[in-house]
C-alpha atoms as a PDB file:
ATOM      1  CA  UNK A   1      93.041  71.646-111.211  1.00  0.00           C
ATOM      2  CA  UNK A   2      94.180  73.187-114.299  1.00  0.00           C
ATOM      3  CA  UNK A   3      97.253  75.367-114.447  1.00  0.00           C
ATOM      4  CA  UNK A   4      95.038  78.400-114.851  1.00  0.00           C
ATOM      5  CA  UNK A   5      93.096  77.552-111.533  1.00  0.00           C
ATOM      6  CA  UNK A   6      96.444  77.122-109.790  1.00  0.00           C
ATOM      7  CA  UNK A   7      97.501  80.417-110.825  1.00  0.00           C
ATOM      8  CA  UNK A   8      94.358  82.079-109.571  1.00  0.00           C
ATOM      9  CA  UNK A   9      94.879  80.022-106.246  1.00  0.00           C
ATOM     10  CA  UNK A  10      98.317  81.378-105.900  1.00  0.00           C
ATOM     11  CA  UNK A  11      97.112  84.998-106.864  1.00  0.00           C
ATOM     12  CA  UNK A  12      94.544  84.732-104.024  1.00  0.00           C
ATOM     13  CA  UNK A  13      97.089  83.635-101.384  1.00  0.00           C
ATOM     14  CA  UNK A  14      99.411  86.411-102.313  1.00  0.00           C
ATOM     15  CA  UNK A  15      96.687  89.031-102.059  1.00  0.00           C
ATOM     16  CA  UNK A  16      95.153  87.360 -98.830  1.00  0.00           C
ATOM     17  CA  UNK A  17      98.763  87.134 -97.166  1.00  0.00           C
ATOM     18  CA  UNK A  18     100.480  89.893 -98.461  1.00  0.00           C
ATOM     19  CA  UNK A  19     103.349  87.681 -99.526  1.00  0.00           C
ATOM     20  CA  UNK A  20     104.876  86.386-102.883  1.00  0.00           C
ATOM     21  CA  UNK A  21     104.208  82.807-103.223  1.00  0.00           C
ATOM     22  CA  UNK A  22     105.565  81.419-106.396  1.00  0.00           C
ATOM     23  CA  UNK A  23     105.184  78.538-108.839  1.00  0.00           C
ATOM     24  CA  UNK A  24     107.750  75.973-109.124  1.00  0.00           C
ATOM     25  CA  UNK A  25     107.340  73.708-112.412  1.00  0.00           C
ATOM     26  CA  UNK A  26     109.425  70.713-113.141  1.00  0.00           C
ATOM     27  CA  UNK A  27     109.611  69.862-116.739  1.00  0.00           C
ATOM     28  CA  UNK A  28     109.826  66.008-116.323  1.00  0.00           C
ATOM     29  CA  UNK A  29     111.561  63.731-118.903  1.00  0.00           C
ATOM     30  CA  UNK A  30     111.472  65.873-122.188  1.00  0.00           C
ATOM     31  CA  UNK A  31     113.092  63.301-124.222  1.00  0.00           C
ATOM     32  CA  UNK A  32     110.591  60.647-123.050  1.00  0.00           C
ATOM     33  CA  UNK A  33     107.675  62.954-123.706  1.00  0.00           C
ATOM     34  CA  UNK A  34     108.888  63.624-127.218  1.00  0.00           C
ATOM     35  CA  UNK A  35     109.276  59.859-127.958  1.00  0.00           C
ATOM     36  CA  UNK A  36     105.611  59.876-127.134  1.00  0.00           C
ATOM     37  CA  UNK A  37     104.729  62.804-129.597  1.00  0.00           C
ATOM     38  CA  UNK A  38     104.422  65.559-126.955  1.00  0.00           C
ATOM     39  CA  UNK A  39     107.030  68.408-126.906  1.00  0.00           C
ATOM     40  CA  UNK A  40     106.464  69.190-123.326  1.00  0.00           C
ATOM     41  CA  UNK A  41     108.993  72.114-122.964  1.00  0.00           C
ATOM     42  CA  UNK A  42     107.200  73.988-125.882  1.00  0.00           C
ATOM     43  CA  UNK A  43     103.672  73.392-124.257  1.00  0.00           C
ATOM     44  CA  UNK A  44     104.993  74.514-120.914  1.00  0.00           C
ATOM     45  CA  UNK A  45     106.381  77.802-122.414  1.00  0.00           C
ATOM     46  CA  UNK A  46     103.239  78.409-124.435  1.00  0.00           C
ATOM     47  CA  UNK A  47     100.934  77.880-121.533  1.00  0.00           C
ATOM     48  CA  UNK A  48     103.137  80.479-119.529  1.00  0.00           C
ATOM     49  CA  UNK A  49     103.094  82.926-122.352  1.00  0.00           C
ATOM     50  CA  UNK A  50      99.207  82.436-122.769  1.00  0.00           C
ATOM     51  CA  UNK A  51      98.860  82.936-119.042  1.00  0.00           C
ATOM     52  CA  UNK A  52     101.400  85.933-118.553  1.00  0.00           C
ATOM     53  CA  UNK A  53      98.909  88.410-117.619  1.00  0.00           C
ATOM     54  CA  UNK A  54      97.939  86.148-114.633  1.00  0.00           C
ATOM     55  CA  UNK A  55     101.431  85.454-113.670  1.00  0.00           C
ATOM     56  CA  UNK A  56     102.232  89.197-113.172  1.00  0.00           C
ATOM     57  CA  UNK A  57     103.993  89.544-109.770  1.00  0.00           C
ATOM     58  CA  UNK A  58     103.959  85.813-109.278  1.00  0.00           C
ATOM     59  CA  UNK A  59     107.531  84.308-109.131  1.00  0.00           C
ATOM     60  CA  UNK A  60     107.993  81.477-111.536  1.00  0.00           C
ATOM     61  CA  UNK A  61     110.744  78.645-111.446  1.00  0.00           C
ATOM     62  CA  UNK A  62     111.302  76.382-114.217  1.00  0.00           C
ATOM     63  CA  UNK A  63     113.252  73.215-113.260  1.00  0.00           C
ATOM     64  CA  UNK A  64     114.588  70.282-115.321  1.00  0.00           C
ATOM     65  CA  UNK A  65     117.399  67.546-115.086  1.00  0.00           C
ATOM     66  CA  UNK A  66     118.090  67.869-118.687  1.00  0.00           C
ATOM     67  CA  UNK A  67     120.799  70.493-119.133  1.00  0.00           C
ATOM     68  CA  UNK A  68     120.308  70.703-122.887  1.00  0.00           C
ATOM     69  CA  UNK A  69     116.797  71.383-122.550  1.00  0.00           C
ATOM     70  CA  UNK A  70     117.326  74.029-120.227  1.00  0.00           C
ATOM     71  CA  UNK A  71     119.844  75.920-122.462  1.00  0.00           C
ATOM     72  CA  UNK A  72     117.205  75.994-125.261  1.00  0.00           C
ATOM     73  CA  UNK A  73     114.581  77.122-122.714  1.00  0.00           C
ATOM     74  CA  UNK A  74     117.039  79.804-121.675  1.00  0.00           C
ATOM     75  CA  UNK A  75     117.272  81.313-125.188  1.00  0.00           C
ATOM     76  CA  UNK A  76     113.391  81.507-125.274  1.00  0.00           C
ATOM     77  CA  UNK A  77     112.162  82.284-121.724  1.00  0.00           C
ATOM     78  CA  UNK A  78     110.948  85.585-120.301  1.00  0.00           C
ATOM     79  CA  UNK A  79     113.913  86.839-118.244  1.00  0.00           C
ATOM     80  CA  UNK A  80     111.483  87.119-115.240  1.00  0.00           C
ATOM     81  CA  UNK A  81     111.544  83.223-114.867  1.00  0.00           C
ATOM     82  CA  UNK A  82     113.963  81.624-112.876  1.00  0.00           C
ATOM     83  CA  UNK A  83     115.583  78.504-114.549  1.00  0.00           C
ATOM     84  CA  UNK A  84     116.800  75.610-112.051  1.00  0.00           C
ATOM     85  CA  UNK A  85     119.140  72.967-113.041  1.00  0.00           C
ATOM     86  CA  UNK A  86     118.179  69.856-111.151  1.00  0.00           C
ATOM     87  CA  UNK A  87     121.005  67.634-110.013  1.00  0.00           C
ATOM     88  CA  UNK A  88     120.667  63.847-109.114  1.00  0.00           C
ATOM     89  CA  UNK A  89     122.344  62.354-106.207  1.00  0.00           C
ATOM     90  CA  UNK A  90     124.687  60.642-108.679  1.00  0.00           C
ATOM     91  CA  UNK A  91     125.700  63.887-110.465  1.00  0.00           C
ATOM     92  CA  UNK A  92     129.451  64.610-110.220  1.00  0.00           C
ATOM     93  CA  UNK A  93     129.636  68.497-110.011  1.00  0.00           C
ATOM     94  CA  UNK A  94     132.651  70.618-110.144  1.00  0.00           C
ATOM     95  CA  UNK A  95     133.508  74.292-110.278  1.00  0.00           C
ATOM     96  CA  UNK A  96     133.662  74.300-114.092  1.00  0.00           C
ATOM     97  CA  UNK A  97     130.290  72.660-114.443  1.00  0.00           C
ATOM     98  CA  UNK A  98     128.660  75.027-111.910  1.00  0.00           C
ATOM     99  CA  UNK A  99     130.108  78.059-114.141  1.00  0.00           C
ATOM    100  CA  UNK A 100     128.434  76.393-117.259  1.00  0.00           C
ATOM    101  CA  UNK A 101     125.222  76.197-115.349  1.00  0.00           C
ATOM    102  CA  UNK A 102     125.322  79.693-114.385  1.00  0.00           C
ATOM    103  CA  UNK A 103     125.256  80.634-117.920  1.00  0.00           C
ATOM    104  CA  UNK A 104     121.770  79.611-118.681  1.00  0.00           C
ATOM    105  CA  UNK A 105     120.313  79.075-115.223  1.00  0.00           C
ATOM    106  CA  UNK A 106     119.663  81.173-112.134  1.00  0.00           C
ATOM    107  CA  UNK A 107     119.817  78.246-109.717  1.00  0.00           C
ATOM    108  CA  UNK A 108     120.550  74.540-108.988  1.00  0.00           C
ATOM    109  CA  UNK A 109     118.219  71.922-107.503  1.00  0.00           C
ATOM    110  CA  UNK A 110     120.609  69.434-106.064  1.00  0.00           C
ATOM    111  CA  UNK A 111     119.677  66.212-104.193  1.00  0.00           C
ATOM    112  CA  UNK A 112     120.292  66.620-100.471  1.00  0.00           C
ATOM    113  CA  UNK A 113     123.125  64.054-100.757  1.00  0.00           C
ATOM    114  CA  UNK A 114     125.134  66.277-102.984  1.00  0.00           C
ATOM    115  CA  UNK A 115     125.364  68.575 -99.906  1.00  0.00           C
ATOM    116  CA  UNK A 116     124.954  66.473 -96.851  1.00  0.00           C
ATOM    117  CA  UNK A 117     126.757  63.150 -96.659  1.00  0.00           C
ATOM    118  CA  UNK A 118     125.851  62.098 -93.143  1.00  0.00           C
ATOM    119  CA  UNK A 119     127.696  62.599 -89.750  1.00  0.00           C
ATOM    120  CA  UNK A 120     131.486  62.122 -88.879  1.00  0.00           C
ATOM    121  CA  UNK A 121     132.438  60.006 -85.714  1.00  0.00           C
ATOM    122  CA  UNK A 122     132.081  63.237 -83.683  1.00  0.00           C
ATOM    123  CA  UNK A 123     128.408  63.445 -84.810  1.00  0.00           C
ATOM    124  CA  UNK A 124     129.006  66.539 -87.052  1.00  0.00           C
ATOM    125  CA  UNK A 125     127.462  66.855 -90.374  1.00  0.00           C
ATOM    126  CA  UNK A 126     129.755  65.959 -93.498  1.00  0.00           C
ATOM    127  CA  UNK A 127     129.181  68.711 -96.032  1.00  0.00           C
ATOM    128  CA  UNK A 128     130.346  69.366 -99.352  1.00  0.00           C
ATOM    129  CA  UNK A 129     131.213  72.970-100.748  1.00  0.00           C
ATOM    130  CA  UNK A 130     128.377  72.994-103.259  1.00  0.00           C
ATOM    131  CA  UNK A 131     126.339  75.816-101.660  1.00  0.00           C
ATOM    132  CA  UNK A 132     129.275  77.740-101.027  1.00  0.00           C
ATOM    133  CA  UNK A 133     130.483  77.482-104.760  1.00  0.00           C
ATOM    134  CA  UNK A 134     127.168  77.945-106.183  1.00  0.00           C
ATOM    135  CA  UNK A 135     126.561  81.273-104.156  1.00  0.00           C
ATOM    136  CA  UNK A 136     129.917  82.482-105.267  1.00  0.00           C
ATOM    137  CA  UNK A 137     128.626  82.111-108.928  1.00  0.00           C
ATOM    138  CA  UNK A 138     125.428  83.952-108.081  1.00  0.00           C
ATOM    139  CA  UNK A 139     123.409  80.663-108.290  1.00  0.00           C
ATOM    140  CA  UNK A 140     120.474  80.158-105.792  1.00  0.00           C
ATOM    141  CA  UNK A 141     120.324  76.608-104.091  1.00  0.00           C
ATOM    142  CA  UNK A 142     117.137  74.763-103.802  1.00  0.00           C
ATOM    143  CA  UNK A 143     117.794  71.117-102.560  1.00  0.00           C
ATOM    144  CA  UNK A 144     115.398  68.433-102.626  1.00  0.00           C
ATOM    145  CA  UNK A 145     113.494  66.427-101.348  1.00  0.00           C
ATOM    146  CA  UNK A 146     112.838  67.246 -97.598  1.00  0.00           C
ATOM    147  CA  UNK A 147     110.627  64.562 -96.187  1.00  0.00           C
ATOM    148  CA  UNK A 148     109.841  64.160 -92.531  1.00  0.00           C
ATOM    149  CA  UNK A 149     109.165  60.486 -93.038  1.00  0.00           C
ATOM    150  CA  UNK A 150     112.511  59.744 -94.895  1.00  0.00           C
ATOM    151  CA  UNK A 151     115.441  61.470 -93.047  1.00  0.00           C
ATOM    152  CA  UNK A 152     118.922  61.210 -94.439  1.00  0.00           C
ATOM    153  CA  UNK A 153     121.243  59.052 -92.441  1.00  0.00           C
ATOM    154  CA  UNK A 154     122.488  60.977 -89.095  1.00  0.00           C
ATOM    155  CA  UNK A 155     119.422  63.244 -88.813  1.00  0.00           C
ATOM    156  CA  UNK A 156     117.372  62.664 -85.790  1.00  0.00           C
ATOM    157  CA  UNK A 157     114.453  65.019 -86.487  1.00  0.00           C
ATOM    158  CA  UNK A 158     113.002  67.041 -89.518  1.00  0.00           C
ATOM    159  CA  UNK A 159     113.699  70.099 -87.552  1.00  0.00           C
ATOM    160  CA  UNK A 160     117.387  69.270 -87.399  1.00  0.00           C
ATOM    161  CA  UNK A 161     117.700  68.900 -91.026  1.00  0.00           C
ATOM    162  CA  UNK A 162     115.778  72.051 -91.757  1.00  0.00           C
ATOM    163  CA  UNK A 163     118.110  73.980 -89.270  1.00  0.00           C
ATOM    164  CA  UNK A 164     121.156  72.550 -91.054  1.00  0.00           C
ATOM    165  CA  UNK A 165     120.084  73.803 -94.536  1.00  0.00           C
ATOM    166  CA  UNK A 166     118.122  76.955 -93.828  1.00  0.00           C
ATOM    167  CA  UNK A 167     120.026  78.429 -90.833  1.00  0.00           C
ATOM    168  CA  UNK A 168     123.463  77.070 -91.123  1.00  0.00           C
ATOM    169  CA  UNK A 169     123.903  76.504 -94.991  1.00  0.00           C
ATOM    170  CA  UNK A 170     121.357  79.471 -95.915  1.00  0.00           C
ATOM    171  CA  UNK A 171     119.904  77.809 -98.923  1.00  0.00           C
ATOM    172  CA  UNK A 172     117.762  79.863-101.009  1.00  0.00           C
ATOM    173  CA  UNK A 173     114.601  77.766-100.866  1.00  0.00           C
ATOM    174  CA  UNK A 174     114.013  73.950-100.688  1.00  0.00           C
ATOM    175  CA  UNK A 175     111.702  71.394-102.200  1.00  0.00           C
ATOM    176  CA  UNK A 176     109.672  69.587 -99.492  1.00  0.00           C
ATOM    177  CA  UNK A 177     106.388  67.232 -99.219  1.00  0.00           C
ATOM    178  CA  UNK A 178     105.937  68.707 -95.720  1.00  0.00           C
ATOM    179  CA  UNK A 179     105.551  72.512 -96.554  1.00  0.00           C
ATOM    180  CA  UNK A 180     103.518  73.011 -93.345  1.00  0.00           C
ATOM    181  CA  UNK A 181     106.349  71.909 -91.319  1.00  0.00           C
ATOM    182  CA  UNK A 182     108.865  74.015 -93.154  1.00  0.00           C
ATOM    183  CA  UNK A 183     106.801  77.114 -92.824  1.00  0.00           C
ATOM    184  CA  UNK A 184     106.262  76.329 -89.060  1.00  0.00           C
ATOM    185  CA  UNK A 185     110.087  76.186 -88.680  1.00  0.00           C
ATOM    186  CA  UNK A 186     110.838  79.154 -90.535  1.00  0.00           C
ATOM    187  CA  UNK A 187     108.373  81.192 -88.663  1.00  0.00           C
ATOM    188  CA  UNK A 188     109.812  79.917 -85.328  1.00  0.00           C
ATOM    189  CA  UNK A 189     113.296  80.727 -86.584  1.00  0.00           C
ATOM    190  CA  UNK A 190     112.688  84.362 -88.028  1.00  0.00           C
ATOM    191  CA  UNK A 191     109.979  85.466 -85.762  1.00  0.00           C
ATOM    192  CA  UNK A 192     110.413  89.032 -84.926  1.00  0.00           C
ATOM    193  CA  UNK A 193     111.904  90.432 -88.253  1.00  0.00           C
ATOM    194  CA  UNK A 194     113.650  87.627 -90.036  1.00  0.00           C
ATOM    195  CA  UNK A 195     113.282  87.072 -93.873  1.00  0.00           C
END
């Protein structure tokens, strides 16, 4: 499937459902691609510019682990695109770094482990303050990767994990390989007037 066909598919979903389904693009390993002779970020931005008429009213999220690359993209990108700084499970992040991210991105995509760190002896989740700090700076939070077949330590079910992040922590979105189950969970949680 080409990117153009994917956009047409999303447009069709939006028209048929009355919802606003978006596109979440990850620019993977830009430095490695440059070593191979491919300027991947420039190609992605050019493709988005070429397809801008098709992307009208479709939310677009551009994500990458490379902060320098995202800073460059921030200077070029259409203001309607949402830039997401991805953060690996080994990232050490503090308030100053979050404030720096807020200067070029509209959100963060942290590994689940940067937020949830297992359960304490009483069976309660041990949570960092990352979601609250990011929200205080106006950054959306889009953690990854939610898998029903690979639950973090201490989580008994996929729904328990979703409840923690969606209901209790109120993340802005999440990245999952089990989107059908996430949609089912949200429909059950917010049936009758939720978001």
